[in-house]
Amino acid sequence: MMELQAFQTAARNVGFVEVNETPEGTVLWLRKSKPDVAREMHQRMCIDSITNSVTVYWMISPGKVNSKTFRGVPELQEWLNIAPVPINPR
């Protein structure tokens, strides 16, 4: 339970807000409140209490979704704090 709260805190610290929770309470969905760079385009996060993991999903181009799963809070925090590389439109 503490790990899940730490995941939520890490997510909120970088601008994620709650979207909804499953009726069973096993999954919490969050979204980026203000996407400001290409890597954050339509960014969503799923916190799963059954697997004690977080998966971040983001759109890399129209119709292409990428994801990354984290099992530990430090790894998630490190990834979230990486400065994204801006993408220049063609």
N, C-alpha and C. Protein backbone atom coordinates (compact mmCIF):
# COMPACT_ATOMS: atom_id res chain seq x y z
N MET A 1 0.82 -1.21 0.00
CA MET A 1 0.00 0.00 0.00
C MET A 1 0.86 1.26 0.00
N MET A 2 1.95 1.24 0.77
CA MET A 2 2.84 2.40 0.84
C MET A 2 3.46 2.66 -0.53
N GLU A 3 3.82 1.60 -1.26
CA GLU A 3 4.41 1.74 -2.58
C GLU A 3 3.43 2.44 -3.53
N LEU A 4 2.16 2.06 -3.46
CA LEU A 4 1.16 2.66 -4.34
C LEU A 4 0.98 4.15 -4.04
N GLN A 5 0.99 4.51 -2.78
CA GLN A 5 0.89 5.92 -2.41
C GLN A 5 2.12 6.69 -2.88
N ALA A 6 3.28 6.06 -2.82
CA ALA A 6 4.51 6.71 -3.29
C ALA A 6 4.46 6.91 -4.80
N PHE A 7 3.91 5.94 -5.54
CA PHE A 7 3.72 6.09 -6.99
C PHE A 7 2.81 7.29 -7.27
N GLN A 8 1.71 7.39 -6.53
CA GLN A 8 0.76 8.49 -6.73
C GLN A 8 1.42 9.83 -6.44
N THR A 9 2.19 9.90 -5.37
CA THR A 9 2.87 11.14 -5.01
C THR A 9 3.87 11.55 -6.08
N ALA A 10 4.64 10.59 -6.58
CA ALA A 10 5.61 10.88 -7.65
C ALA A 10 4.90 11.40 -8.89
N ALA A 11 3.78 10.80 -9.23
CA ALA A 11 3.02 11.21 -10.41
C ALA A 11 2.46 12.62 -10.23
N ARG A 12 1.89 12.89 -9.10
CA ARG A 12 1.29 14.21 -8.86
C ARG A 12 2.36 15.31 -8.83
N ASN A 13 3.56 14.96 -8.37
CA ASN A 13 4.64 15.95 -8.31
C ASN A 13 5.08 16.45 -9.68
N VAL A 14 4.79 15.69 -10.72
CA VAL A 14 5.16 16.13 -12.08
C VAL A 14 3.94 16.47 -12.92
N GLY A 15 2.79 16.66 -12.28
CA GLY A 15 1.63 17.19 -13.00
C GLY A 15 0.58 16.20 -13.43
N PHE A 16 0.59 14.97 -12.92
CA PHE A 16 -0.47 14.02 -13.24
C PHE A 16 -1.66 14.26 -12.32
N VAL A 17 -2.86 14.10 -12.86
CA VAL A 17 -4.08 14.24 -12.07
C VAL A 17 -4.92 12.97 -12.26
N GLU A 18 -5.72 12.66 -11.27
CA GLU A 18 -6.53 11.45 -11.30
C GLU A 18 -7.64 11.57 -12.35
N VAL A 19 -7.83 10.49 -13.10
CA VAL A 19 -8.91 10.43 -14.08
C VAL A 19 -10.04 9.58 -13.52
N ASN A 20 -9.72 8.32 -13.18
CA ASN A 20 -10.72 7.47 -12.55
C ASN A 20 -10.07 6.24 -11.93
N GLU A 21 -10.86 5.54 -11.13
CA GLU A 21 -10.41 4.33 -10.46
C GLU A 21 -11.40 3.23 -10.80
N THR A 22 -10.91 2.01 -10.96
CA THR A 22 -11.81 0.91 -11.27
C THR A 22 -12.73 0.66 -10.08
N PRO A 23 -13.93 0.13 -10.33
CA PRO A 23 -14.87 -0.12 -9.23
C PRO A 23 -14.28 -1.03 -8.14
N GLU A 24 -13.41 -1.95 -8.54
CA GLU A 24 -12.80 -2.86 -7.56
C GLU A 24 -11.68 -2.16 -6.80
N GLY A 25 -11.24 -1.01 -7.28
CA GLY A 25 -10.17 -0.27 -6.62
C GLY A 25 -8.79 -0.84 -6.86
N THR A 26 -8.61 -1.64 -7.92
CA THR A 26 -7.31 -2.25 -8.18
C THR A 26 -6.45 -1.43 -9.14
N VAL A 27 -7.06 -0.53 -9.91
CA VAL A 27 -6.33 0.26 -10.89
C VAL A 27 -6.74 1.72 -10.77
N LEU A 28 -5.75 2.60 -10.78
CA LEU A 28 -5.99 4.04 -10.76
C LEU A 28 -5.39 4.62 -12.03
N TRP A 29 -6.19 5.37 -12.79
CA TRP A 29 -5.73 6.02 -14.02
C TRP A 29 -5.50 7.48 -13.75
N LEU A 30 -4.37 8.00 -14.26
CA LEU A 30 -4.05 9.41 -14.17
C LEU A 30 -3.68 9.91 -15.56
N ARG A 31 -3.75 11.22 -15.75
CA ARG A 31 -3.34 11.82 -17.01
C ARG A 31 -2.51 13.05 -16.69
N LYS A 32 -1.69 13.43 -17.65
CA LYS A 32 -0.87 14.64 -17.48
C LYS A 32 -1.80 15.84 -17.59
N SER A 33 -1.75 16.73 -16.62
CA SER A 33 -2.68 17.85 -16.60
C SER A 33 -2.42 18.84 -17.72
N LYS A 34 -1.15 19.11 -18.04
CA LYS A 34 -0.81 20.06 -19.10
C LYS A 34 0.36 19.52 -19.91
N PRO A 35 0.07 18.80 -20.98
CA PRO A 35 1.19 18.34 -21.80
C PRO A 35 1.89 19.52 -22.46
N ASP A 36 3.22 19.62 -22.23
CA ASP A 36 3.92 20.78 -22.76
C ASP A 36 5.08 20.44 -23.69
N VAL A 37 5.36 19.18 -23.87
CA VAL A 37 6.41 18.77 -24.80
C VAL A 37 5.96 17.51 -25.52
N ALA A 38 6.65 17.18 -26.58
CA ALA A 38 6.24 16.05 -27.42
C ALA A 38 6.16 14.73 -26.66
N ARG A 39 7.10 14.46 -25.73
CA ARG A 39 7.09 13.18 -25.03
C ARG A 39 5.86 13.04 -24.15
N GLU A 40 5.27 14.14 -23.75
CA GLU A 40 4.12 14.10 -22.85
C GLU A 40 2.79 14.12 -23.60
N MET A 41 2.83 14.00 -24.90
CA MET A 41 1.61 14.09 -25.70
C MET A 41 0.63 12.99 -25.30
N HIS A 42 -0.50 13.39 -24.80
CA HIS A 42 -1.55 12.46 -24.38
C HIS A 42 -1.04 11.44 -23.37
N GLN A 43 -0.21 11.87 -22.43
CA GLN A 43 0.39 10.95 -21.47
C GLN A 43 -0.63 10.49 -20.43
N ARG A 44 -0.66 9.18 -20.20
CA ARG A 44 -1.54 8.55 -19.20
C ARG A 44 -0.70 7.63 -18.33
N MET A 45 -1.17 7.39 -17.13
CA MET A 45 -0.48 6.50 -16.21
C MET A 45 -1.49 5.58 -15.54
N CYS A 46 -1.14 4.31 -15.45
CA CYS A 46 -1.97 3.31 -14.80
C CYS A 46 -1.21 2.76 -13.60
N ILE A 47 -1.75 2.96 -12.41
CA ILE A 47 -1.17 2.41 -11.19
C ILE A 47 -1.98 1.16 -10.85
N ASP A 48 -1.31 0.01 -10.85
CA ASP A 48 -1.97 -1.29 -10.67
C ASP A 48 -1.60 -1.87 -9.31
N SER A 49 -2.59 -2.00 -8.42
CA SER A 49 -2.32 -2.51 -7.08
C SER A 49 -2.12 -4.02 -7.04
N ILE A 50 -2.56 -4.73 -8.06
CA ILE A 50 -2.38 -6.19 -8.09
C ILE A 50 -0.92 -6.54 -8.40
N THR A 51 -0.33 -5.83 -9.38
CA THR A 51 1.05 -6.11 -9.76
C THR A 51 2.05 -5.18 -9.07
N ASN A 52 1.55 -4.21 -8.29
CA ASN A 52 2.41 -3.20 -7.66
C ASN A 52 3.34 -2.57 -8.67
N SER A 53 2.73 -2.10 -9.75
CA SER A 53 3.52 -1.49 -10.82
C SER A 53 2.78 -0.29 -11.39
N VAL A 54 3.53 0.49 -12.18
CA VAL A 54 2.98 1.64 -12.88
C VAL A 54 3.37 1.51 -14.34
N THR A 55 2.41 1.76 -15.22
CA THR A 55 2.72 1.81 -16.65
C THR A 55 2.34 3.20 -17.15
N VAL A 56 3.29 3.82 -17.83
CA VAL A 56 3.05 5.13 -18.43
C VAL A 56 2.89 4.92 -19.93
N TYR A 57 1.85 5.52 -20.49
CA TYR A 57 1.56 5.44 -21.92
C TYR A 57 1.62 6.85 -22.49
N TRP A 58 2.18 6.98 -23.70
CA TRP A 58 2.18 8.27 -24.37
C TRP A 58 2.18 8.07 -25.87
N MET A 59 1.64 9.06 -26.57
CA MET A 59 1.55 9.01 -28.01
C MET A 59 2.83 9.59 -28.59
N ILE A 60 3.52 8.83 -29.45
CA ILE A 60 4.75 9.32 -30.05
C ILE A 60 4.50 9.96 -31.41
N SER A 61 3.41 9.61 -32.04
CA SER A 61 2.93 10.24 -33.27
C SER A 61 1.49 9.79 -33.43
N PRO A 62 0.72 10.45 -34.27
CA PRO A 62 -0.68 10.05 -34.41
C PRO A 62 -0.82 8.55 -34.70
N GLY A 63 -1.53 7.86 -33.83
CA GLY A 63 -1.79 6.43 -34.01
C GLY A 63 -0.72 5.51 -33.44
N LYS A 64 0.37 6.05 -32.88
CA LYS A 64 1.44 5.22 -32.32
C LYS A 64 1.56 5.50 -30.82
N VAL A 65 1.39 4.47 -30.02
CA VAL A 65 1.46 4.60 -28.58
C VAL A 65 2.68 3.84 -28.06
N ASN A 66 3.37 4.45 -27.14
CA ASN A 66 4.52 3.82 -26.51
C ASN A 66 4.19 3.67 -25.03
N SER A 67 4.89 2.75 -24.35
CA SER A 67 4.64 2.57 -22.92
C SER A 67 5.92 2.12 -22.22
N LYS A 68 5.93 2.35 -20.92
CA LYS A 68 7.04 1.91 -20.08
C LYS A 68 6.47 1.55 -18.72
N THR A 69 6.88 0.38 -18.20
CA THR A 69 6.39 -0.11 -16.92
C THR A 69 7.48 -0.01 -15.87
N PHE A 70 7.07 0.39 -14.67
CA PHE A 70 7.99 0.56 -13.54
C PHE A 70 7.50 -0.26 -12.36
N ARG A 71 8.42 -0.93 -11.69
CA ARG A 71 8.09 -1.72 -10.51
C ARG A 71 8.55 -1.05 -9.22
N GLY A 72 9.35 0.01 -9.37
CA GLY A 72 9.84 0.72 -8.20
C GLY A 72 9.69 2.22 -8.36
N VAL A 73 9.44 2.90 -7.25
CA VAL A 73 9.25 4.35 -7.26
C VAL A 73 10.51 5.09 -7.71
N PRO A 74 11.70 4.71 -7.24
CA PRO A 74 12.90 5.45 -7.68
C PRO A 74 13.09 5.42 -9.20
N GLU A 75 12.81 4.30 -9.83
CA GLU A 75 12.95 4.21 -11.29
C GLU A 75 11.94 5.12 -11.99
N LEU A 76 10.72 5.15 -11.48
CA LEU A 76 9.69 6.03 -12.05
C LEU A 76 10.11 7.49 -11.89
N GLN A 77 10.56 7.86 -10.71
CA GLN A 77 10.96 9.24 -10.47
C GLN A 77 12.12 9.64 -11.38
N GLU A 78 13.09 8.75 -11.55
CA GLU A 78 14.23 9.05 -12.42
C GLU A 78 13.76 9.26 -13.85
N TRP A 79 12.88 8.41 -14.34
CA TRP A 79 12.39 8.53 -15.71
C TRP A 79 11.57 9.80 -15.89
N LEU A 80 10.73 10.12 -14.92
CA LEU A 80 9.89 11.32 -15.03
C LEU A 80 10.69 12.60 -15.01
N ASN A 81 11.84 12.58 -14.38
CA ASN A 81 12.66 13.79 -14.26
C ASN A 81 13.63 13.97 -15.40
N ILE A 82 13.68 13.05 -16.36
CA ILE A 82 14.54 13.20 -17.52
C ILE A 82 14.02 14.35 -18.37
N ALA A 83 14.91 15.23 -18.74
CA ALA A 83 14.51 16.35 -19.59
C ALA A 83 14.20 15.84 -20.98
N PRO A 84 12.97 16.00 -21.45
CA PRO A 84 12.61 15.50 -22.78
C PRO A 84 13.31 16.28 -23.88
N VAL A 85 13.58 15.60 -24.96
CA VAL A 85 14.20 16.22 -26.13
C VAL A 85 13.08 16.75 -27.01
N PRO A 86 13.10 18.08 -27.33
CA PRO A 86 12.05 18.61 -28.19
C PRO A 86 12.12 18.01 -29.60
N ILE A 87 10.96 17.79 -30.18
CA ILE A 87 10.87 17.26 -31.55
C ILE A 87 10.39 18.38 -32.46
N ASN A 88 11.17 18.64 -33.51
CA ASN A 88 10.80 19.68 -34.46
C ASN A 88 9.87 19.12 -35.52
N PRO A 89 8.72 19.75 -35.75
CA PRO A 89 7.81 19.28 -36.79
C PRO A 89 8.45 19.43 -38.16
N ARG A 90 8.11 18.52 -39.05
CA ARG A 90 8.67 18.56 -40.42
C ARG A 90 7.85 19.42 -41.32
